[in-house]
Amino acid sequence: MAGIADVRSAALEIVGPICKHKACSFSEAQVGRILHAYLIGEHAGVRPECPVMIGKSSQAIDFRFGDAPYGANPCALELAVRNSEHGPQLLASQNASELKKLSRYPESKAQTRVLLLLDLGHKPIKQEKLKRGYDELDHLGAGKFQRRSVSVLYVHRNLNYRFIWRARPRAKSRQKLPKAYR
């Protein structure tokens, strides 16, 4: 069974022993390869770049793991990495497309959806600050499609936490009635 605890332990291995418990300058692609290798070692059935349809276009989720016969609860995982002190890579505005892909990923293919925010910088980001930005990004556009919750997991070598991001439909704008009908 794949879940958030598995993702957290993988992330702690990357920011711990691999980064030697100090700030690193690995790119997202490098961290993605390390994470992929770790997940293969811990869980069989790891699939990188799983396709997901967003409207009429096909995009890809970074990883899906925990497939049968190795588990009954697959996990879809998107990765975002910050390797500098003031990089915006972990903010909600930078990860809107990842949230969109994860929230639209079918429950029949993965019941657990995780956006892993891996912070390799010097100072950790406080939960209140990061969560506030994600709470403000509460819609994914207009349309009738299923919006599923996403677990946002932040991991720094000195701090890690998780919160739930819930997508809501965009509020419909109210149309003004002509003066004759008011």
N, C-alpha and C. Protein backbone atom coordinates (compact mmCIF):
# COMPACT_ATOMS: atom_id res chain seq x y z
N MET A 1 0.84 -1.18 0.00
CA MET A 1 0.00 0.00 0.00
C MET A 1 0.89 1.24 0.00
N ALA A 2 0.70 2.10 -0.96
CA ALA A 2 1.50 3.31 -1.10
C ALA A 2 0.75 4.49 -0.52
N GLY A 3 1.47 5.35 0.16
CA GLY A 3 0.80 6.49 0.76
C GLY A 3 1.75 7.62 1.10
N ILE A 4 1.24 8.53 1.89
CA ILE A 4 1.97 9.74 2.25
C ILE A 4 3.20 9.41 3.09
N ALA A 5 3.10 8.43 3.96
CA ALA A 5 4.26 8.05 4.78
C ALA A 5 5.42 7.58 3.90
N ASP A 6 5.11 6.89 2.81
CA ASP A 6 6.15 6.43 1.89
C ASP A 6 6.82 7.61 1.18
N VAL A 7 6.01 8.57 0.77
CA VAL A 7 6.55 9.76 0.10
C VAL A 7 7.40 10.56 1.09
N ARG A 8 6.92 10.72 2.32
CA ARG A 8 7.68 11.46 3.33
C ARG A 8 9.03 10.78 3.62
N SER A 9 9.03 9.46 3.77
CA SER A 9 10.30 8.77 4.05
C SER A 9 11.27 8.90 2.88
N ALA A 10 10.77 8.85 1.65
CA ALA A 10 11.63 9.03 0.48
C ALA A 10 12.21 10.44 0.46
N ALA A 11 11.39 11.44 0.75
CA ALA A 11 11.86 12.83 0.75
C ALA A 11 12.89 13.07 1.85
N LEU A 12 12.66 12.48 3.02
CA LEU A 12 13.62 12.65 4.12
C LEU A 12 14.96 11.98 3.80
N GLU A 13 14.94 10.91 3.04
CA GLU A 13 16.19 10.29 2.61
C GLU A 13 16.96 11.22 1.66
N ILE A 14 16.23 11.95 0.82
CA ILE A 14 16.89 12.85 -0.13
C ILE A 14 17.47 14.06 0.59
N VAL A 15 16.70 14.72 1.46
CA VAL A 15 17.20 15.92 2.13
C VAL A 15 18.13 15.58 3.29
N GLY A 16 18.14 14.32 3.72
CA GLY A 16 19.01 13.89 4.81
C GLY A 16 20.35 13.40 4.30
N PRO A 17 20.53 12.08 4.22
CA PRO A 17 21.83 11.51 3.84
C PRO A 17 22.32 11.92 2.45
N ILE A 18 21.46 12.02 1.48
CA ILE A 18 21.92 12.35 0.12
C ILE A 18 22.44 13.78 0.06
N CYS A 19 21.75 14.71 0.71
CA CYS A 19 22.20 16.10 0.72
C CYS A 19 23.18 16.39 1.87
N LYS A 20 23.48 15.38 2.66
CA LYS A 20 24.41 15.51 3.79
C LYS A 20 23.93 16.55 4.79
N HIS A 21 22.61 16.67 4.94
CA HIS A 21 21.98 17.56 5.92
C HIS A 21 22.40 19.02 5.76
N LYS A 22 22.66 19.46 4.53
CA LYS A 22 22.98 20.86 4.28
C LYS A 22 22.32 21.29 2.98
N ALA A 23 22.32 22.58 2.71
CA ALA A 23 21.70 23.10 1.49
C ALA A 23 22.41 22.54 0.26
N CYS A 24 21.64 22.17 -0.75
CA CYS A 24 22.18 21.60 -1.98
C CYS A 24 21.64 22.35 -3.19
N SER A 25 22.29 22.13 -4.30
CA SER A 25 21.82 22.78 -5.53
C SER A 25 21.47 21.75 -6.59
N PHE A 26 20.77 20.70 -6.20
CA PHE A 26 20.29 19.72 -7.17
C PHE A 26 19.13 20.33 -7.95
N SER A 27 19.04 20.02 -9.22
CA SER A 27 17.91 20.48 -10.02
C SER A 27 16.73 19.54 -9.78
N GLU A 28 15.56 19.94 -10.25
CA GLU A 28 14.38 19.08 -10.11
C GLU A 28 14.55 17.78 -10.87
N ALA A 29 15.21 17.84 -12.02
CA ALA A 29 15.44 16.62 -12.81
C ALA A 29 16.35 15.65 -12.05
N GLN A 30 17.40 16.17 -11.41
CA GLN A 30 18.31 15.32 -10.64
C GLN A 30 17.58 14.69 -9.45
N VAL A 31 16.82 15.49 -8.74
CA VAL A 31 16.07 14.98 -7.59
C VAL A 31 15.03 13.97 -8.07
N GLY A 32 14.41 14.23 -9.21
CA GLY A 32 13.43 13.29 -9.76
C GLY A 32 14.05 11.93 -10.04
N ARG A 33 15.28 11.91 -10.55
CA ARG A 33 15.96 10.63 -10.81
C ARG A 33 16.28 9.91 -9.50
N ILE A 34 16.72 10.67 -8.49
CA ILE A 34 17.03 10.07 -7.19
C ILE A 34 15.75 9.51 -6.57
N LEU A 35 14.67 10.29 -6.62
CA LEU A 35 13.39 9.85 -6.06
C LEU A 35 12.88 8.61 -6.79
N HIS A 36 13.01 8.59 -8.11
CA HIS A 36 12.58 7.44 -8.89
C HIS A 36 13.36 6.19 -8.47
N ALA A 37 14.66 6.31 -8.32
CA ALA A 37 15.48 5.17 -7.89
C ALA A 37 15.08 4.70 -6.49
N TYR A 38 14.82 5.64 -5.59
CA TYR A 38 14.41 5.27 -4.23
C TYR A 38 13.06 4.55 -4.25
N LEU A 39 12.12 5.07 -5.01
CA LEU A 39 10.79 4.45 -5.06
C LEU A 39 10.85 3.05 -5.67
N ILE A 40 11.69 2.86 -6.69
CA ILE A 40 11.84 1.53 -7.28
C ILE A 40 12.41 0.56 -6.25
N GLY A 41 13.37 1.03 -5.45
CA GLY A 41 13.96 0.17 -4.43
C GLY A 41 12.99 -0.20 -3.33
N GLU A 42 12.08 0.70 -3.00
CA GLU A 42 11.14 0.46 -1.91
C GLU A 42 9.82 -0.14 -2.37
N HIS A 43 9.37 0.22 -3.55
CA HIS A 43 8.06 -0.20 -4.06
C HIS A 43 8.20 -0.71 -5.48
N ALA A 44 7.70 -1.87 -5.71
CA ALA A 44 7.65 -2.35 -7.08
C ALA A 44 6.44 -1.69 -7.76
N GLY A 45 6.45 -1.65 -9.04
CA GLY A 45 5.32 -1.07 -9.76
C GLY A 45 5.35 0.44 -9.85
N VAL A 46 6.55 1.04 -9.93
CA VAL A 46 6.68 2.48 -10.06
C VAL A 46 6.62 2.85 -11.53
N ARG A 47 5.74 3.80 -11.86
CA ARG A 47 5.61 4.26 -13.24
C ARG A 47 5.88 5.75 -13.31
N PRO A 48 6.93 6.17 -14.01
CA PRO A 48 7.16 7.61 -14.19
C PRO A 48 6.34 8.12 -15.37
N GLU A 49 6.03 9.41 -15.35
CA GLU A 49 5.35 10.08 -16.46
C GLU A 49 4.06 9.38 -16.87
N CYS A 50 3.12 9.27 -15.94
CA CYS A 50 1.82 8.66 -16.22
C CYS A 50 0.91 9.68 -16.88
N PRO A 51 0.30 9.34 -18.00
CA PRO A 51 -0.54 10.30 -18.72
C PRO A 51 -1.85 10.61 -17.99
N VAL A 52 -2.29 11.86 -18.12
CA VAL A 52 -3.58 12.30 -17.60
C VAL A 52 -4.15 13.29 -18.62
N MET A 53 -5.44 13.18 -18.87
CA MET A 53 -6.10 14.08 -19.82
C MET A 53 -6.62 15.32 -19.09
N ILE A 54 -6.22 16.48 -19.56
CA ILE A 54 -6.72 17.75 -19.05
C ILE A 54 -7.44 18.41 -20.21
N GLY A 55 -8.76 18.31 -20.19
CA GLY A 55 -9.53 18.78 -21.33
C GLY A 55 -9.24 17.90 -22.53
N LYS A 56 -8.71 18.50 -23.59
CA LYS A 56 -8.38 17.72 -24.78
C LYS A 56 -6.88 17.47 -24.90
N SER A 57 -6.09 17.97 -23.95
CA SER A 57 -4.65 17.77 -24.03
C SER A 57 -4.20 16.69 -23.04
N SER A 58 -3.14 16.01 -23.42
CA SER A 58 -2.58 14.96 -22.57
C SER A 58 -1.34 15.50 -21.88
N GLN A 59 -1.29 15.36 -20.56
CA GLN A 59 -0.13 15.76 -19.77
C GLN A 59 0.32 14.55 -18.96
N ALA A 60 1.32 14.73 -18.11
CA ALA A 60 1.86 13.58 -17.38
C ALA A 60 2.07 13.90 -15.91
N ILE A 61 1.74 12.93 -15.06
CA ILE A 61 2.03 12.97 -13.63
C ILE A 61 3.46 12.45 -13.47
N ASP A 62 4.25 13.04 -12.56
CA ASP A 62 5.65 12.63 -12.41
C ASP A 62 5.79 11.15 -12.08
N PHE A 63 5.06 10.65 -11.07
CA PHE A 63 5.19 9.24 -10.66
C PHE A 63 3.85 8.70 -10.21
N ARG A 64 3.66 7.41 -10.43
CA ARG A 64 2.58 6.65 -9.82
C ARG A 64 3.19 5.35 -9.33
N PHE A 65 2.94 5.02 -8.07
CA PHE A 65 3.52 3.79 -7.53
C PHE A 65 2.53 3.12 -6.60
N GLY A 66 2.79 1.84 -6.34
CA GLY A 66 1.90 1.06 -5.49
C GLY A 66 0.85 0.30 -6.28
N ASP A 67 1.11 0.06 -7.56
CA ASP A 67 0.16 -0.67 -8.40
C ASP A 67 0.05 -2.13 -7.98
N ALA A 68 -1.07 -2.73 -8.31
CA ALA A 68 -1.28 -4.16 -8.06
C ALA A 68 -0.26 -4.94 -8.86
N PRO A 69 0.22 -6.03 -8.43
CA PRO A 69 -0.13 -6.81 -7.25
C PRO A 69 0.61 -6.37 -5.99
N TYR A 70 1.29 -5.21 -6.03
CA TYR A 70 2.10 -4.78 -4.90
C TYR A 70 1.32 -3.93 -3.91
N GLY A 71 0.12 -3.57 -4.24
CA GLY A 71 -0.71 -2.77 -3.36
C GLY A 71 -2.06 -2.51 -3.98
N ALA A 72 -2.98 -2.05 -3.16
CA ALA A 72 -4.33 -1.80 -3.64
C ALA A 72 -4.66 -0.31 -3.67
N ASN A 73 -3.73 0.54 -3.25
CA ASN A 73 -3.98 1.96 -3.17
C ASN A 73 -2.82 2.71 -3.85
N PRO A 74 -2.84 2.85 -5.17
CA PRO A 74 -1.76 3.55 -5.85
C PRO A 74 -1.69 5.02 -5.42
N CYS A 75 -0.52 5.60 -5.56
CA CYS A 75 -0.27 6.98 -5.18
C CYS A 75 0.25 7.74 -6.39
N ALA A 76 -0.37 8.88 -6.71
CA ALA A 76 0.10 9.76 -7.77
C ALA A 76 0.92 10.86 -7.11
N LEU A 77 2.08 11.15 -7.68
CA LEU A 77 3.03 12.06 -7.05
C LEU A 77 3.57 13.06 -8.05
N GLU A 78 3.50 14.33 -7.70
CA GLU A 78 4.13 15.41 -8.46
C GLU A 78 5.23 15.99 -7.58
N LEU A 79 6.33 16.42 -8.17
CA LEU A 79 7.49 16.90 -7.45
C LEU A 79 7.79 18.34 -7.80
N ALA A 80 8.09 19.15 -6.78
CA ALA A 80 8.59 20.51 -6.96
C ALA A 80 9.78 20.68 -6.03
N VAL A 81 10.87 21.27 -6.54
CA VAL A 81 12.11 21.37 -5.77
C VAL A 81 12.57 22.82 -5.70
N ARG A 82 12.96 23.24 -4.49
CA ARG A 82 13.57 24.56 -4.30
C ARG A 82 14.99 24.30 -3.82
N ASN A 83 15.97 24.82 -4.56
CA ASN A 83 17.35 24.60 -4.16
C ASN A 83 18.09 25.88 -3.84
N SER A 84 17.40 26.99 -3.76
CA SER A 84 18.03 28.26 -3.41
C SER A 84 17.29 28.89 -2.24
N GLU A 85 17.83 29.97 -1.74
CA GLU A 85 17.25 30.60 -0.56
C GLU A 85 15.88 31.22 -0.82
N HIS A 86 15.74 31.97 -1.90
CA HIS A 86 14.49 32.70 -2.12
C HIS A 86 13.79 32.28 -3.41
N GLY A 87 13.97 31.07 -3.84
CA GLY A 87 13.33 30.61 -5.07
C GLY A 87 11.83 30.45 -4.90
N PRO A 88 11.05 30.78 -5.93
CA PRO A 88 9.60 30.70 -5.84
C PRO A 88 9.04 29.33 -6.23
N GLN A 89 9.89 28.32 -6.39
CA GLN A 89 9.46 27.04 -6.95
C GLN A 89 8.40 26.33 -6.12
N LEU A 90 8.27 26.62 -4.85
CA LEU A 90 7.33 25.90 -4.00
C LEU A 90 6.03 26.65 -3.78
N LEU A 91 5.90 27.86 -4.30
CA LEU A 91 4.70 28.65 -4.10
C LEU A 91 3.54 28.11 -4.93
N ALA A 92 2.34 28.42 -4.51
CA ALA A 92 1.13 27.92 -5.17
C ALA A 92 1.06 28.37 -6.63
N SER A 93 1.43 29.61 -6.90
CA SER A 93 1.34 30.11 -8.26
C SER A 93 2.25 29.34 -9.21
N GLN A 94 3.39 28.85 -8.72
CA GLN A 94 4.31 28.08 -9.54
C GLN A 94 3.83 26.64 -9.75
N ASN A 95 2.96 26.14 -8.86
CA ASN A 95 2.55 24.74 -8.90
C ASN A 95 1.08 24.56 -9.26
N ALA A 96 0.46 25.57 -9.84
CA ALA A 96 -0.96 25.47 -10.21
C ALA A 96 -1.18 24.35 -11.23
N SER A 97 -0.29 24.20 -12.20
CA SER A 97 -0.49 23.15 -13.21
C SER A 97 -0.34 21.76 -12.58
N GLU A 98 0.58 21.61 -11.61
CA GLU A 98 0.73 20.32 -10.92
C GLU A 98 -0.53 19.99 -10.13
N LEU A 99 -1.08 20.99 -9.44
CA LEU A 99 -2.32 20.78 -8.68
C LEU A 99 -3.47 20.41 -9.61
N LYS A 100 -3.50 21.05 -10.76
CA LYS A 100 -4.56 20.77 -11.74
C LYS A 100 -4.48 19.32 -12.22
N LYS A 101 -3.26 18.87 -12.54
CA LYS A 101 -3.09 17.49 -13.00
C LYS A 101 -3.47 16.50 -11.90
N LEU A 102 -3.00 16.75 -10.68
CA LEU A 102 -3.29 15.82 -9.59
C LEU A 102 -4.77 15.78 -9.24
N SER A 103 -5.41 16.95 -9.19
CA SER A 103 -6.82 16.97 -8.78
C SER A 103 -7.74 16.36 -9.84
N ARG A 104 -7.28 16.31 -11.07
CA ARG A 104 -8.08 15.70 -12.14
C ARG A 104 -7.70 14.24 -12.39
N TYR A 105 -6.68 13.74 -11.72
CA TYR A 105 -6.26 12.36 -11.93
C TYR A 105 -7.35 11.43 -11.39
N PRO A 106 -7.81 10.46 -12.18
CA PRO A 106 -8.96 9.63 -11.77
C PRO A 106 -8.70 8.82 -10.50
N GLU A 107 -9.71 8.75 -9.65
CA GLU A 107 -9.61 7.97 -8.42
C GLU A 107 -9.44 6.50 -8.69
N SER A 108 -9.92 6.04 -9.83
CA SER A 108 -9.77 4.63 -10.17
C SER A 108 -8.32 4.26 -10.44
N LYS A 109 -7.48 5.25 -10.75
CA LYS A 109 -6.06 5.00 -11.03
C LYS A 109 -5.16 5.30 -9.84
N ALA A 110 -5.56 6.22 -8.97
CA ALA A 110 -4.78 6.54 -7.77
C ALA A 110 -5.67 7.25 -6.77
N GLN A 111 -5.82 6.65 -5.60
CA GLN A 111 -6.67 7.27 -4.59
C GLN A 111 -5.91 8.32 -3.78
N THR A 112 -4.60 8.21 -3.69
CA THR A 112 -3.79 9.17 -2.96
C THR A 112 -3.07 10.06 -3.96
N ARG A 113 -3.21 11.38 -3.77
CA ARG A 113 -2.56 12.35 -4.65
C ARG A 113 -1.69 13.25 -3.79
N VAL A 114 -0.39 13.34 -4.14
CA VAL A 114 0.56 14.09 -3.32
C VAL A 114 1.37 15.04 -4.19
N LEU A 115 1.41 16.31 -3.76
CA LEU A 115 2.34 17.28 -4.33
C LEU A 115 3.48 17.39 -3.33
N LEU A 116 4.65 16.88 -3.69
CA LEU A 116 5.82 16.89 -2.81
C LEU A 116 6.62 18.15 -3.07
N LEU A 117 6.70 19.00 -2.06
CA LEU A 117 7.50 20.22 -2.12
C LEU A 117 8.79 19.94 -1.37
N LEU A 118 9.85 19.73 -2.09
CA LEU A 118 11.14 19.36 -1.51
C LEU A 118 12.02 20.61 -1.45
N ASP A 119 12.38 21.02 -0.24
CA ASP A 119 13.13 22.25 -0.02
C ASP A 119 14.57 21.91 0.33
N LEU A 120 15.49 22.19 -0.59
CA LEU A 120 16.91 21.94 -0.37
C LEU A 120 17.64 23.21 0.01
N GLY A 121 16.91 24.29 0.26
CA GLY A 121 17.50 25.59 0.60
C GLY A 121 17.95 25.66 2.04
N HIS A 122 18.33 26.87 2.46
CA HIS A 122 18.88 27.07 3.80
C HIS A 122 17.80 27.15 4.88
N LYS A 123 16.82 28.04 4.68
CA LYS A 123 15.79 28.24 5.70
C LYS A 123 14.47 27.61 5.27
N PRO A 124 13.79 26.92 6.18
CA PRO A 124 12.49 26.33 5.83
C PRO A 124 11.41 27.40 5.74
N ILE A 125 10.33 27.07 5.04
CA ILE A 125 9.17 27.96 4.91
C ILE A 125 8.16 27.52 5.96
N LYS A 126 7.64 28.48 6.70
CA LYS A 126 6.65 28.15 7.74
C LYS A 126 5.35 27.70 7.10
N GLN A 127 4.67 26.79 7.79
CA GLN A 127 3.45 26.19 7.26
C GLN A 127 2.37 27.24 7.01
N GLU A 128 2.19 28.18 7.91
CA GLU A 128 1.14 29.18 7.76
C GLU A 128 1.33 29.99 6.47
N LYS A 129 2.57 30.36 6.19
CA LYS A 129 2.86 31.17 5.00
C LYS A 129 2.59 30.38 3.72
N LEU A 130 3.06 29.15 3.68
CA LEU A 130 2.88 28.34 2.48
C LEU A 130 1.42 27.96 2.27
N LYS A 131 0.74 27.57 3.35
CA LYS A 131 -0.66 27.15 3.25
C LYS A 131 -1.55 28.31 2.82
N ARG A 132 -1.26 29.51 3.29
CA ARG A 132 -2.06 30.69 2.92
C ARG A 132 -2.06 30.88 1.40
N GLY A 133 -0.90 30.73 0.78
CA GLY A 133 -0.81 30.86 -0.67
C GLY A 133 -1.60 29.80 -1.41
N TYR A 134 -1.58 28.57 -0.90
CA TYR A 134 -2.34 27.49 -1.54
C TYR A 134 -3.84 27.64 -1.30
N ASP A 135 -4.22 28.19 -0.15
CA ASP A 135 -5.64 28.42 0.11
C ASP A 135 -6.22 29.48 -0.83
N GLU A 136 -5.39 30.45 -1.21
CA GLU A 136 -5.85 31.49 -2.13
C GLU A 136 -6.04 30.94 -3.55
N LEU A 137 -5.30 29.92 -3.90
CA LEU A 137 -5.43 29.27 -5.21
C LEU A 137 -6.43 28.14 -5.05
N ASP A 138 -7.72 28.47 -5.11
CA ASP A 138 -8.74 27.48 -4.77
C ASP A 138 -9.54 26.98 -5.96
N HIS A 139 -9.26 27.45 -7.15
CA HIS A 139 -10.04 26.97 -8.30
C HIS A 139 -9.12 26.57 -9.43
N LEU A 140 -9.64 25.77 -10.31
CA LEU A 140 -8.86 25.27 -11.44
C LEU A 140 -9.49 25.63 -12.77
N GLY A 141 -10.33 26.60 -12.77
CA GLY A 141 -10.98 26.99 -14.00
C GLY A 141 -12.41 26.51 -14.07
N ALA A 142 -13.10 27.00 -15.07
CA ALA A 142 -14.50 26.66 -15.25
C ALA A 142 -14.62 25.29 -15.89
N GLY A 143 -15.76 24.69 -15.72
CA GLY A 143 -16.02 23.40 -16.35
C GLY A 143 -16.61 22.41 -15.38
N LYS A 144 -17.24 21.40 -15.96
CA LYS A 144 -17.84 20.34 -15.15
C LYS A 144 -16.91 19.14 -15.16
N PHE A 145 -16.01 19.12 -14.21
CA PHE A 145 -15.11 17.99 -14.06
C PHE A 145 -14.91 17.73 -12.58
N GLN A 146 -14.55 16.52 -12.25
CA GLN A 146 -14.35 16.13 -10.86
C GLN A 146 -13.10 16.79 -10.32
N ARG A 147 -13.22 17.43 -9.17
CA ARG A 147 -12.08 18.05 -8.50
C ARG A 147 -11.81 17.27 -7.22
N ARG A 148 -10.62 16.70 -7.12
CA ARG A 148 -10.27 15.89 -5.95
C ARG A 148 -9.24 16.62 -5.11
N SER A 149 -9.22 16.33 -3.82
CA SER A 149 -8.27 16.95 -2.91
C SER A 149 -6.86 16.42 -3.16
N VAL A 150 -5.89 17.26 -2.83
CA VAL A 150 -4.48 16.90 -3.00
C VAL A 150 -3.78 17.14 -1.68
N SER A 151 -2.97 16.18 -1.24
CA SER A 151 -2.14 16.36 -0.05
C SER A 151 -0.86 17.08 -0.49
N VAL A 152 -0.58 18.20 0.14
CA VAL A 152 0.64 18.95 -0.13
C VAL A 152 1.61 18.61 1.00
N LEU A 153 2.73 18.01 0.65
CA LEU A 153 3.73 17.58 1.62
C LEU A 153 4.99 18.41 1.43
N TYR A 154 5.34 19.19 2.46
CA TYR A 154 6.54 20.02 2.44
C TYR A 154 7.61 19.32 3.26
N VAL A 155 8.80 19.16 2.68
CA VAL A 155 9.90 18.50 3.39
C VAL A 155 11.17 19.34 3.24
N HIS A 156 11.70 19.77 4.37
CA HIS A 156 12.98 20.44 4.51
C HIS A 156 13.77 19.60 5.51
N ARG A 157 15.07 19.71 5.53
CA ARG A 157 15.83 18.85 6.45
C ARG A 157 15.54 19.14 7.92
N ASN A 158 15.03 20.35 8.25
CA ASN A 158 14.72 20.70 9.64
C ASN A 158 13.23 20.74 9.94
N LEU A 159 12.38 20.61 8.93
CA LEU A 159 10.94 20.77 9.13
C LEU A 159 10.20 20.02 8.04
N ASN A 160 9.11 19.34 8.42
CA ASN A 160 8.23 18.78 7.40
C ASN A 160 6.81 18.80 7.93
N TYR A 161 5.87 19.03 7.03
CA TYR A 161 4.46 19.08 7.39
C TYR A 161 3.62 18.77 6.17
N ARG A 162 2.34 18.58 6.42
CA ARG A 162 1.41 18.24 5.36
C ARG A 162 0.11 19.00 5.59
N PHE A 163 -0.50 19.44 4.50
CA PHE A 163 -1.85 20.00 4.57
C PHE A 163 -2.61 19.59 3.32
N ILE A 164 -3.92 19.70 3.39
CA ILE A 164 -4.79 19.30 2.29
C ILE A 164 -5.18 20.53 1.49
N TRP A 165 -5.04 20.44 0.18
CA TRP A 165 -5.51 21.49 -0.72
C TRP A 165 -6.78 20.98 -1.39
N ARG A 166 -7.85 21.74 -1.25
CA ARG A 166 -9.13 21.36 -1.83
C ARG A 166 -9.48 22.30 -2.98
N ALA A 167 -9.69 21.72 -4.13
CA ALA A 167 -10.09 22.50 -5.29
C ALA A 167 -11.58 22.74 -5.25
N ARG A 168 -11.97 23.92 -5.59
CA ARG A 168 -13.39 24.26 -5.65
C ARG A 168 -13.69 24.80 -7.05
N PRO A 169 -14.93 24.63 -7.50
CA PRO A 169 -15.29 25.20 -8.80
C PRO A 169 -15.25 26.72 -8.72
N ARG A 170 -14.92 27.33 -9.84
CA ARG A 170 -14.90 28.78 -9.90
C ARG A 170 -16.31 29.31 -9.71
N ALA A 171 -16.44 30.32 -8.87
CA ALA A 171 -17.76 30.91 -8.62
C ALA A 171 -18.26 31.57 -9.90
N LYS A 172 -19.51 31.33 -10.20
CA LYS A 172 -20.10 31.95 -11.40
C LYS A 172 -20.33 33.42 -11.13
N SER A 173 -20.01 34.23 -12.12
CA SER A 173 -20.24 35.67 -11.96
C SER A 173 -21.74 35.95 -12.10
N ARG A 174 -22.17 36.84 -11.30
CA ARG A 174 -23.60 37.19 -11.35
C ARG A 174 -23.85 38.15 -12.48
N GLN A 175 -24.86 37.85 -13.25
CA GLN A 175 -25.20 38.72 -14.35
C GLN A 175 -26.15 39.80 -13.85
N LYS A 176 -25.90 41.02 -14.31
CA LYS A 176 -26.79 42.11 -13.94
C LYS A 176 -28.03 42.07 -14.82
N LEU A 177 -29.16 42.24 -14.20
CA LEU A 177 -30.41 42.30 -14.95
C LEU A 177 -30.54 43.67 -15.60
N PRO A 178 -31.15 43.71 -16.77
CA PRO A 178 -31.39 45.01 -17.37
C PRO A 178 -32.29 45.86 -16.46
N LYS A 179 -32.20 47.17 -16.59
CA LYS A 179 -32.96 48.07 -15.72
C LYS A 179 -34.46 47.80 -15.78
N ALA A 180 -34.96 47.37 -16.92
CA ALA A 180 -36.39 47.11 -17.05
C ALA A 180 -36.86 45.99 -16.12
N TYR A 181 -35.95 45.07 -15.75
CA TYR A 181 -36.33 43.95 -14.90
C TYR A 181 -36.01 44.17 -13.43
N ARG A 182 -35.39 45.27 -13.07
CA ARG A 182 -35.02 45.49 -11.66
C ARG A 182 -36.15 46.07 -10.87
